[in-house]
Amino acid sequence: EGLLTAFQAWAERSIGDEAWTALEVEFATNARRDPH
């Protein structure tokens, strides 16, 4: 339970970060055209 509480604290800070999420999605979407 201590591990899950600590993990949730990290998740609250990081999961859904607008700039990071947008970059990941934008780059992955562009990558579909390049097999490499």
ModelCIF file with pLDDT and N, C-alpha, C, O atoms, coordinates in Angstrom:
data_MODEL
#
_entry.id   MODEL 
#
_entity.id                         1 
_entity.type                       polymer 
_entity.pdbx_number_of_molecules   1 
#
_entity_poly.entity_id                      1 
_entity_poly.type                           'polypeptide(L)' 
_entity_poly.nstd_linkage                   no 
_entity_poly.nstd_monomer                   no 
_entity_poly.pdbx_seq_one_letter_code       EGLLTAFQAWAERSIGDEAWTALEVEFATNARRDPH 
_entity_poly.pdbx_seq_one_letter_code_can   EGLLTAFQAWAERSIGDEAWTALEVEFATNARRDPH 
_entity_poly.pdbx_strand_id                 A 
#
loop_
_entity_poly_seq.entity_id 
_entity_poly_seq.num 
_entity_poly_seq.mon_id 
_entity_poly_seq.hetero 
1 1  GLU n 
1 2  GLY n 
1 3  LEU n 
1 4  LEU n 
1 5  THR n 
1 6  ALA n 
1 7  PHE n 
1 8  GLN n 
1 9  ALA n 
1 10 TRP n 
1 11 ALA n 
1 12 GLU n 
1 13 ARG n 
1 14 SER n 
1 15 ILE n 
1 16 GLY n 
1 17 ASP n 
1 18 GLU n 
1 19 ALA n 
1 20 TRP n 
1 21 THR n 
1 22 ALA n 
1 23 LEU n 
1 24 GLU n 
1 25 VAL n 
1 26 GLU n 
1 27 PHE n 
1 28 ALA n 
1 29 THR n 
1 30 ASN n 
1 31 ALA n 
1 32 ARG n 
1 33 ARG n 
1 34 ASP n 
1 35 PRO n 
1 36 HIS n 
#
_struct_asym.id          A 
_struct_asym.entity_id   1 
#
loop_
_ma_qa_metric.id 
_ma_qa_metric.mode 
_ma_qa_metric.name 
_ma_qa_metric.software_group_id 
_ma_qa_metric.type 
1 global pLDDT . pLDDT 
2 local  pLDDT . pLDDT 
#
_ma_qa_metric_global.metric_id      1 
_ma_qa_metric_global.metric_value   92.22 
_ma_qa_metric_global.model_id       1 
_ma_qa_metric_global.ordinal_id     1 
#
loop_
_ma_qa_metric_local.label_asym_id 
_ma_qa_metric_local.label_comp_id 
_ma_qa_metric_local.label_seq_id 
_ma_qa_metric_local.metric_id 
_ma_qa_metric_local.metric_value 
_ma_qa_metric_local.model_id 
_ma_qa_metric_local.ordinal_id 
A GLU 1  2 90.00 1 1  
A GLY 2  2 92.00 1 2  
A LEU 3  2 92.00 1 3  
A LEU 4  2 93.00 1 4  
A THR 5  2 92.00 1 5  
A ALA 6  2 93.00 1 6  
A PHE 7  2 93.00 1 7  
A GLN 8  2 93.00 1 8  
A ALA 9  2 92.00 1 9  
A TRP 10 2 92.00 1 10 
A ALA 11 2 93.00 1 11 
A GLU 12 2 92.00 1 12 
A ARG 13 2 91.00 1 13 
A SER 14 2 93.00 1 14 
A ILE 15 2 94.00 1 15 
A GLY 16 2 92.00 1 16 
A ASP 17 2 93.00 1 17 
A GLU 18 2 93.00 1 18 
A ALA 19 2 95.00 1 19 
A TRP 20 2 95.00 1 20 
A THR 21 2 95.00 1 21 
A ALA 22 2 95.00 1 22 
A LEU 23 2 96.00 1 23 
A GLU 24 2 95.00 1 24 
A VAL 25 2 94.00 1 25 
A GLU 26 2 94.00 1 26 
A PHE 27 2 95.00 1 27 
A ALA 28 2 93.00 1 28 
A THR 29 2 91.00 1 29 
A ASN 30 2 87.00 1 30 
A ALA 31 2 85.00 1 31 
A ARG 32 2 85.00 1 32 
A ARG 33 2 86.00 1 33 
A ASP 34 2 90.00 1 34 
A PRO 35 2 93.00 1 35 
A HIS 36 2 93.00 1 36 
#
loop_
_atom_site.group_PDB 
_atom_site.id 
_atom_site.type_symbol 
_atom_site.label_atom_id 
_atom_site.label_alt_id 
_atom_site.label_comp_id 
_atom_site.label_asym_id 
_atom_site.label_entity_id 
_atom_site.label_seq_id 
_atom_site.pdbx_PDB_ins_code 
_atom_site.Cartn_x 
_atom_site.Cartn_y 
_atom_site.Cartn_z 
_atom_site.occupancy 
_atom_site.B_iso_or_equiv 
_atom_site.pdbx_formal_charge 
_atom_site.auth_seq_id 
_atom_site.auth_comp_id 
_atom_site.auth_asym_id 
_atom_site.auth_atom_id 
_atom_site.pdbx_PDB_model_num 
ATOM 1   N N  . GLU A 1 1  ? 0.825  -1.205 0.000   1.00 90.00 ? 1  GLU A N  1 
ATOM 2   C CA . GLU A 1 1  ? 0.000  0.000  0.000   1.00 90.00 ? 1  GLU A CA 1 
ATOM 3   C C  . GLU A 1 1  ? 0.860  1.256  0.000   1.00 90.00 ? 1  GLU A C  1 
ATOM 4   O O  . GLU A 1 1  ? 0.483  2.261  -0.602  1.00 90.00 ? 1  GLU A O  1 
ATOM 5   N N  . GLY A 1 2  ? 1.998  1.212  0.661   1.00 92.00 ? 2  GLY A N  1 
ATOM 6   C CA . GLY A 1 2  ? 2.911  2.351  0.644   1.00 92.00 ? 2  GLY A CA 1 
ATOM 7   C C  . GLY A 1 2  ? 3.452  2.610  -0.743  1.00 92.00 ? 2  GLY A C  1 
ATOM 8   O O  . GLY A 1 2  ? 3.575  3.762  -1.159  1.00 92.00 ? 2  GLY A O  1 
ATOM 9   N N  . LEU A 1 3  ? 3.778  1.543  -1.470  1.00 92.00 ? 3  LEU A N  1 
ATOM 10  C CA . LEU A 1 3  ? 4.257  1.670  -2.848  1.00 92.00 ? 3  LEU A CA 1 
ATOM 11  C C  . LEU A 1 3  ? 3.179  2.277  -3.741  1.00 92.00 ? 3  LEU A C  1 
ATOM 12  O O  . LEU A 1 3  ? 3.465  3.148  -4.563  1.00 92.00 ? 3  LEU A O  1 
ATOM 13  N N  . LEU A 1 4  ? 1.937  1.813  -3.577  1.00 93.00 ? 4  LEU A N  1 
ATOM 14  C CA . LEU A 1 4  ? 0.844  2.323  -4.406  1.00 93.00 ? 4  LEU A CA 1 
ATOM 15  C C  . LEU A 1 4  ? 0.541  3.785  -4.089  1.00 93.00 ? 4  LEU A C  1 
ATOM 16  O O  . LEU A 1 4  ? 0.223  4.562  -4.988  1.00 93.00 ? 4  LEU A O  1 
ATOM 17  N N  . THR A 1 5  ? 0.639  4.158  -2.826  1.00 92.00 ? 5  THR A N  1 
ATOM 18  C CA . THR A 1 5  ? 0.420  5.554  -2.444  1.00 92.00 ? 5  THR A CA 1 
ATOM 19  C C  . THR A 1 5  ? 1.503  6.446  -3.052  1.00 92.00 ? 5  THR A C  1 
ATOM 20  O O  . THR A 1 5  ? 1.213  7.529  -3.561  1.00 92.00 ? 5  THR A O  1 
ATOM 21  N N  . ALA A 1 6  ? 2.750  5.984  -2.994  1.00 93.00 ? 6  ALA A N  1 
ATOM 22  C CA . ALA A 1 6  ? 3.855  6.747  -3.578  1.00 93.00 ? 6  ALA A CA 1 
ATOM 23  C C  . ALA A 1 6  ? 3.712  6.833  -5.087  1.00 93.00 ? 6  ALA A C  1 
ATOM 24  O O  . ALA A 1 6  ? 3.965  7.881  -5.682  1.00 93.00 ? 6  ALA A O  1 
ATOM 25  N N  . PHE A 1 7  ? 3.302  5.721  -5.714  1.00 93.00 ? 7  PHE A N  1 
ATOM 26  C CA . PHE A 1 7  ? 3.104  5.717  -7.161  1.00 93.00 ? 7  PHE A CA 1 
ATOM 27  C C  . PHE A 1 7  ? 1.994  6.680  -7.558  1.00 93.00 ? 7  PHE A C  1 
ATOM 28  O O  . PHE A 1 7  ? 2.112  7.399  -8.549  1.00 93.00 ? 7  PHE A O  1 
ATOM 29  N N  . GLN A 1 8  ? 0.922  6.690  -6.786  1.00 93.00 ? 8  GLN A N  1 
ATOM 30  C CA . GLN A 1 8  ? -0.191 7.591  -7.100  1.00 93.00 ? 8  GLN A CA 1 
ATOM 31  C C  . GLN A 1 8  ? 0.242  9.055  -6.980  1.00 93.00 ? 8  GLN A C  1 
ATOM 32  O O  . GLN A 1 8  ? -0.186 9.901  -7.765  1.00 93.00 ? 8  GLN A O  1 
ATOM 33  N N  . ALA A 1 9  ? 1.091  9.345  -5.997  1.00 92.00 ? 9  ALA A N  1 
ATOM 34  C CA . ALA A 1 9  ? 1.579  10.727 -5.844  1.00 92.00 ? 9  ALA A CA 1 
ATOM 35  C C  . ALA A 1 9  ? 2.355  11.156 -7.083  1.00 92.00 ? 9  ALA A C  1 
ATOM 36  O O  . ALA A 1 9  ? 2.207  12.284 -7.552  1.00 92.00 ? 9  ALA A O  1 
ATOM 37  N N  . TRP A 1 10 ? 3.198  10.237 -7.622  1.00 92.00 ? 10 TRP A N  1 
ATOM 38  C CA . TRP A 1 10 ? 3.913  10.552 -8.868  1.00 92.00 ? 10 TRP A CA 1 
ATOM 39  C C  . TRP A 1 10 ? 2.912  10.725 -10.013 1.00 92.00 ? 10 TRP A C  1 
ATOM 40  O O  . TRP A 1 10 ? 3.020  11.663 -10.803 1.00 92.00 ? 10 TRP A O  1 
ATOM 41  N N  . ALA A 1 11 ? 1.951  9.825  -10.095 1.00 93.00 ? 11 ALA A N  1 
ATOM 42  C CA . ALA A 1 11 ? 0.970  9.863  -11.183 1.00 93.00 ? 11 ALA A CA 1 
ATOM 43  C C  . ALA A 1 11 ? 0.183  11.169 -11.174 1.00 93.00 ? 11 ALA A C  1 
ATOM 44  O O  . ALA A 1 11 ? -0.097 11.733 -12.232 1.00 93.00 ? 11 ALA A O  1 
ATOM 45  N N  . GLU A 1 12 ? -0.176 11.653 -9.985  1.00 92.00 ? 12 GLU A N  1 
ATOM 46  C CA . GLU A 1 12 ? -0.919 12.907 -9.885  1.00 92.00 ? 12 GLU A CA 1 
ATOM 47  C C  . GLU A 1 12 ? -0.128 14.061 -10.482 1.00 92.00 ? 12 GLU A C  1 
ATOM 48  O O  . GLU A 1 12 ? -0.695 14.964 -11.097 1.00 92.00 ? 12 GLU A O  1 
ATOM 49  N N  . ARG A 1 13 ? 1.184  14.025 -10.297 1.00 91.00 ? 13 ARG A N  1 
ATOM 50  C CA . ARG A 1 13 ? 2.044  15.108 -10.801 1.00 91.00 ? 13 ARG A CA 1 
ATOM 51  C C  . ARG A 1 13 ? 2.340  14.977 -12.286 1.00 91.00 ? 13 ARG A C  1 
ATOM 52  O O  . ARG A 1 13 ? 2.510  15.985 -12.972 1.00 91.00 ? 13 ARG A O  1 
ATOM 53  N N  . SER A 1 14 ? 2.405  13.756 -12.792 1.00 93.00 ? 14 SER A N  1 
ATOM 54  C CA . SER A 1 14 ? 2.962  13.546 -14.130 1.00 93.00 ? 14 SER A CA 1 
ATOM 55  C C  . SER A 1 14 ? 1.975  13.090 -15.198 1.00 93.00 ? 14 SER A C  1 
ATOM 56  O O  . SER A 1 14 ? 2.050  13.557 -16.335 1.00 93.00 ? 14 SER A O  1 
ATOM 57  N N  . ILE A 1 15 ? 1.055  12.193 -14.865 1.00 94.00 ? 15 ILE A N  1 
ATOM 58  C CA . ILE A 1 15 ? 0.156  11.654 -15.876 1.00 94.00 ? 15 ILE A CA 1 
ATOM 59  C C  . ILE A 1 15 ? -0.863 12.724 -16.278 1.00 94.00 ? 15 ILE A C  1 
ATOM 60  O O  . ILE A 1 15 ? -1.641 13.203 -15.453 1.00 94.00 ? 15 ILE A O  1 
ATOM 61  N N  . GLY A 1 16 ? -0.837 13.082 -17.547 1.00 92.00 ? 16 GLY A N  1 
ATOM 62  C CA . GLY A 1 16 ? -1.717 14.127 -18.042 1.00 92.00 ? 16 GLY A CA 1 
ATOM 63  C C  . GLY A 1 16 ? -1.034 15.472 -18.177 1.00 92.00 ? 16 GLY A C  1 
ATOM 64  O O  . GLY A 1 16 ? -1.681 16.473 -18.486 1.00 92.00 ? 16 GLY A O  1 
ATOM 65  N N  . ASP A 1 17 ? 0.299  15.502 -17.943 1.00 93.00 ? 17 ASP A N  1 
ATOM 66  C CA . ASP A 1 17 ? 1.028  16.747 -18.193 1.00 93.00 ? 17 ASP A CA 1 
ATOM 67  C C  . ASP A 1 17 ? 0.746  17.171 -19.636 1.00 93.00 ? 17 ASP A C  1 
ATOM 68  O O  . ASP A 1 17 ? 1.033  16.426 -20.573 1.00 93.00 ? 17 ASP A O  1 
ATOM 69  N N  . GLU A 1 18 ? 0.190  18.359 -19.808 1.00 93.00 ? 18 GLU A N  1 
ATOM 70  C CA . GLU A 1 18 ? -0.328 18.764 -21.122 1.00 93.00 ? 18 GLU A CA 1 
ATOM 71  C C  . GLU A 1 18 ? 0.746  18.800 -22.200 1.00 93.00 ? 18 GLU A C  1 
ATOM 72  O O  . GLU A 1 18 ? 0.551  18.272 -23.295 1.00 93.00 ? 18 GLU A O  1 
ATOM 73  N N  . ALA A 1 19 ? 1.883  19.423 -21.891 1.00 95.00 ? 19 ALA A N  1 
ATOM 74  C CA . ALA A 1 19 ? 2.934  19.576 -22.899 1.00 95.00 ? 19 ALA A CA 1 
ATOM 75  C C  . ALA A 1 19 ? 3.551  18.228 -23.256 1.00 95.00 ? 19 ALA A C  1 
ATOM 76  O O  . ALA A 1 19 ? 3.739  17.925 -24.434 1.00 95.00 ? 19 ALA A O  1 
ATOM 77  N N  . TRP A 1 20 ? 3.866  17.419 -22.247 1.00 95.00 ? 20 TRP A N  1 
ATOM 78  C CA . TRP A 1 20 ? 4.479  16.109 -22.480 1.00 95.00 ? 20 TRP A CA 1 
ATOM 79  C C  . TRP A 1 20 ? 3.531  15.211 -23.263 1.00 95.00 ? 20 TRP A C  1 
ATOM 80  O O  . TRP A 1 20 ? 3.939  14.574 -24.234 1.00 95.00 ? 20 TRP A O  1 
ATOM 81  N N  . THR A 1 21 ? 2.272  15.156 -22.849 1.00 95.00 ? 21 THR A N  1 
ATOM 82  C CA . THR A 1 21 ? 1.293  14.316 -23.538 1.00 95.00 ? 21 THR A CA 1 
ATOM 83  C C  . THR A 1 21 ? 1.121  14.733 -24.991 1.00 95.00 ? 21 THR A C  1 
ATOM 84  O O  . THR A 1 21 ? 1.076  13.891 -25.888 1.00 95.00 ? 21 THR A O  1 
ATOM 85  N N  . ALA A 1 22 ? 1.024  16.051 -25.218 1.00 95.00 ? 22 ALA A N  1 
ATOM 86  C CA . ALA A 1 22 ? 0.846  16.546 -26.588 1.00 95.00 ? 22 ALA A CA 1 
ATOM 87  C C  . ALA A 1 22 ? 2.031  16.163 -27.461 1.00 95.00 ? 22 ALA A C  1 
ATOM 88  O O  . ALA A 1 22 ? 1.852  15.774 -28.616 1.00 95.00 ? 22 ALA A O  1 
ATOM 89  N N  . LEU A 1 23 ? 3.239  16.268 -26.920 1.00 96.00 ? 23 LEU A N  1 
ATOM 90  C CA . LEU A 1 23 ? 4.429  15.916 -27.695 1.00 96.00 ? 23 LEU A CA 1 
ATOM 91  C C  . LEU A 1 23 ? 4.431  14.436 -28.044 1.00 96.00 ? 23 LEU A C  1 
ATOM 92  O O  . LEU A 1 23 ? 4.698  14.068 -29.188 1.00 96.00 ? 23 LEU A O  1 
ATOM 93  N N  . GLU A 1 24 ? 4.135  13.587 -27.068 1.00 95.00 ? 24 GLU A N  1 
ATOM 94  C CA . GLU A 1 24 ? 4.118  12.141 -27.320 1.00 95.00 ? 24 GLU A CA 1 
ATOM 95  C C  . GLU A 1 24 ? 3.106  11.793 -28.415 1.00 95.00 ? 24 GLU A C  1 
ATOM 96  O O  . GLU A 1 24 ? 3.412  11.040 -29.340 1.00 95.00 ? 24 GLU A O  1 
ATOM 97  N N  . VAL A 1 25 ? 1.900  12.350 -28.297 1.00 94.00 ? 25 VAL A N  1 
ATOM 98  C CA . VAL A 1 25 ? 0.836  12.027 -29.258 1.00 94.00 ? 25 VAL A CA 1 
ATOM 99  C C  . VAL A 1 25 ? 1.177  12.579 -30.643 1.00 94.00 ? 25 VAL A C  1 
ATOM 100 O O  . VAL A 1 25 ? 1.013  11.880 -31.642 1.00 94.00 ? 25 VAL A O  1 
ATOM 101 N N  . GLU A 1 26 ? 1.651  13.825 -30.710 1.00 94.00 ? 26 GLU A N  1 
ATOM 102 C CA . GLU A 1 26 ? 1.972  14.436 -31.995 1.00 94.00 ? 26 GLU A CA 1 
ATOM 103 C C  . GLU A 1 26 ? 3.077  13.670 -32.700 1.00 94.00 ? 26 GLU A C  1 
ATOM 104 O O  . GLU A 1 26 ? 2.985  13.401 -33.898 1.00 94.00 ? 26 GLU A O  1 
ATOM 105 N N  . PHE A 1 27 ? 4.123  13.317 -31.958 1.00 95.00 ? 27 PHE A N  1 
ATOM 106 C CA . PHE A 1 27 ? 5.250  12.622 -32.582 1.00 95.00 ? 27 PHE A CA 1 
ATOM 107 C C  . PHE A 1 27 ? 4.849  11.216 -33.023 1.00 95.00 ? 27 PHE A C  1 
ATOM 108 O O  . PHE A 1 27 ? 5.212  10.776 -34.113 1.00 95.00 ? 27 PHE A O  1 
ATOM 109 N N  . ALA A 1 28 ? 4.102  10.516 -32.174 1.00 93.00 ? 28 ALA A N  1 
ATOM 110 C CA . ALA A 1 28 ? 3.671  9.165  -32.538 1.00 93.00 ? 28 ALA A CA 1 
ATOM 111 C C  . ALA A 1 28 ? 2.765  9.188  -33.759 1.00 93.00 ? 28 ALA A C  1 
ATOM 112 O O  . ALA A 1 28 ? 2.832  8.289  -34.597 1.00 93.00 ? 28 ALA A O  1 
ATOM 113 N N  . THR A 1 29 ? 1.920  10.206 -33.868 1.00 91.00 ? 29 THR A N  1 
ATOM 114 C CA . THR A 1 29 ? 1.029  10.330 -35.028 1.00 91.00 ? 29 THR A CA 1 
ATOM 115 C C  . THR A 1 29 ? 1.835  10.577 -36.293 1.00 91.00 ? 29 THR A C  1 
ATOM 116 O O  . THR A 1 29 ? 1.558  9.983  -37.335 1.00 91.00 ? 29 THR A O  1 
ATOM 117 N N  . ASN A 1 30 ? 2.829  11.447 -36.208 1.00 87.00 ? 30 ASN A N  1 
ATOM 118 C CA . ASN A 1 30 ? 3.685  11.709 -37.371 1.00 87.00 ? 30 ASN A CA 1 
ATOM 119 C C  . ASN A 1 30 ? 4.509  10.490 -37.752 1.00 87.00 ? 30 ASN A C  1 
ATOM 120 O O  . ASN A 1 30 ? 4.811  10.277 -38.926 1.00 87.00 ? 30 ASN A O  1 
ATOM 121 N N  . ALA A 1 31 ? 4.873  9.688  -36.750 1.00 85.00 ? 31 ALA A N  1 
ATOM 122 C CA . ALA A 1 31 ? 5.767  8.553  -36.982 1.00 85.00 ? 31 ALA A CA 1 
ATOM 123 C C  . ALA A 1 31 ? 5.142  7.467  -37.839 1.00 85.00 ? 31 ALA A C  1 
ATOM 124 O O  . ALA A 1 31 ? 5.864  6.643  -38.401 1.00 85.00 ? 31 ALA A O  1 
ATOM 125 N N  . ARG A 1 32 ? 3.833  7.444  -37.953 1.00 85.00 ? 32 ARG A N  1 
ATOM 126 C CA . ARG A 1 32 ? 3.182  6.366  -38.713 1.00 85.00 ? 32 ARG A CA 1 
ATOM 127 C C  . ARG A 1 32 ? 3.610  6.376  -40.173 1.00 85.00 ? 32 ARG A C  1 
ATOM 128 O O  . ARG A 1 32 ? 3.452  5.368  -40.862 1.00 85.00 ? 32 ARG A O  1 
ATOM 129 N N  . ARG A 1 33 ? 4.142  7.477  -40.655 1.00 86.00 ? 33 ARG A N  1 
ATOM 130 C CA . ARG A 1 33 ? 4.555  7.568  -42.057 1.00 86.00 ? 33 ARG A CA 1 
ATOM 131 C C  . ARG A 1 33 ? 5.991  7.115  -42.278 1.00 86.00 ? 33 ARG A C  1 
ATOM 132 O O  . ARG A 1 33 ? 6.423  6.964  -43.421 1.00 86.00 ? 33 ARG A O  1 
ATOM 133 N N  . ASP A 1 34 ? 6.737  6.896  -41.195 1.00 90.00 ? 34 ASP A N  1 
ATOM 134 C CA . ASP A 1 34 ? 8.158  6.568  -41.315 1.00 90.00 ? 34 ASP A CA 1 
ATOM 135 C C  . ASP A 1 34 ? 8.437  5.240  -40.611 1.00 90.00 ? 34 ASP A C  1 
ATOM 136 O O  . ASP A 1 34 ? 8.435  5.183  -39.381 1.00 90.00 ? 34 ASP A O  1 
ATOM 137 N N  . PRO A 1 35 ? 8.680  4.166  -41.380 1.00 93.00 ? 35 PRO A N  1 
ATOM 138 C CA . PRO A 1 35 ? 8.913  2.851  -40.767 1.00 93.00 ? 35 PRO A CA 1 
ATOM 139 C C  . PRO A 1 35 ? 10.076 2.846  -39.782 1.00 93.00 ? 35 PRO A C  1 
ATOM 140 O O  . PRO A 1 35 ? 10.022 2.150  -38.768 1.00 93.00 ? 35 PRO A O  1 
ATOM 141 N N  . HIS A 1 36 ? 11.131 3.615  -40.069 1.00 93.00 ? 36 HIS A N  1 
ATOM 142 C CA . HIS A 1 36 ? 12.293 3.645  -39.171 1.00 93.00 ? 36 HIS A CA 1 
ATOM 143 C C  . HIS A 1 36 ? 11.906 4.245  -37.816 1.00 93.00 ? 36 HIS A C  1 
ATOM 144 O O  . HIS A 1 36 ? 12.749 4.355  -36.926 1.00 93.00 ? 36 HIS A O  1 
#
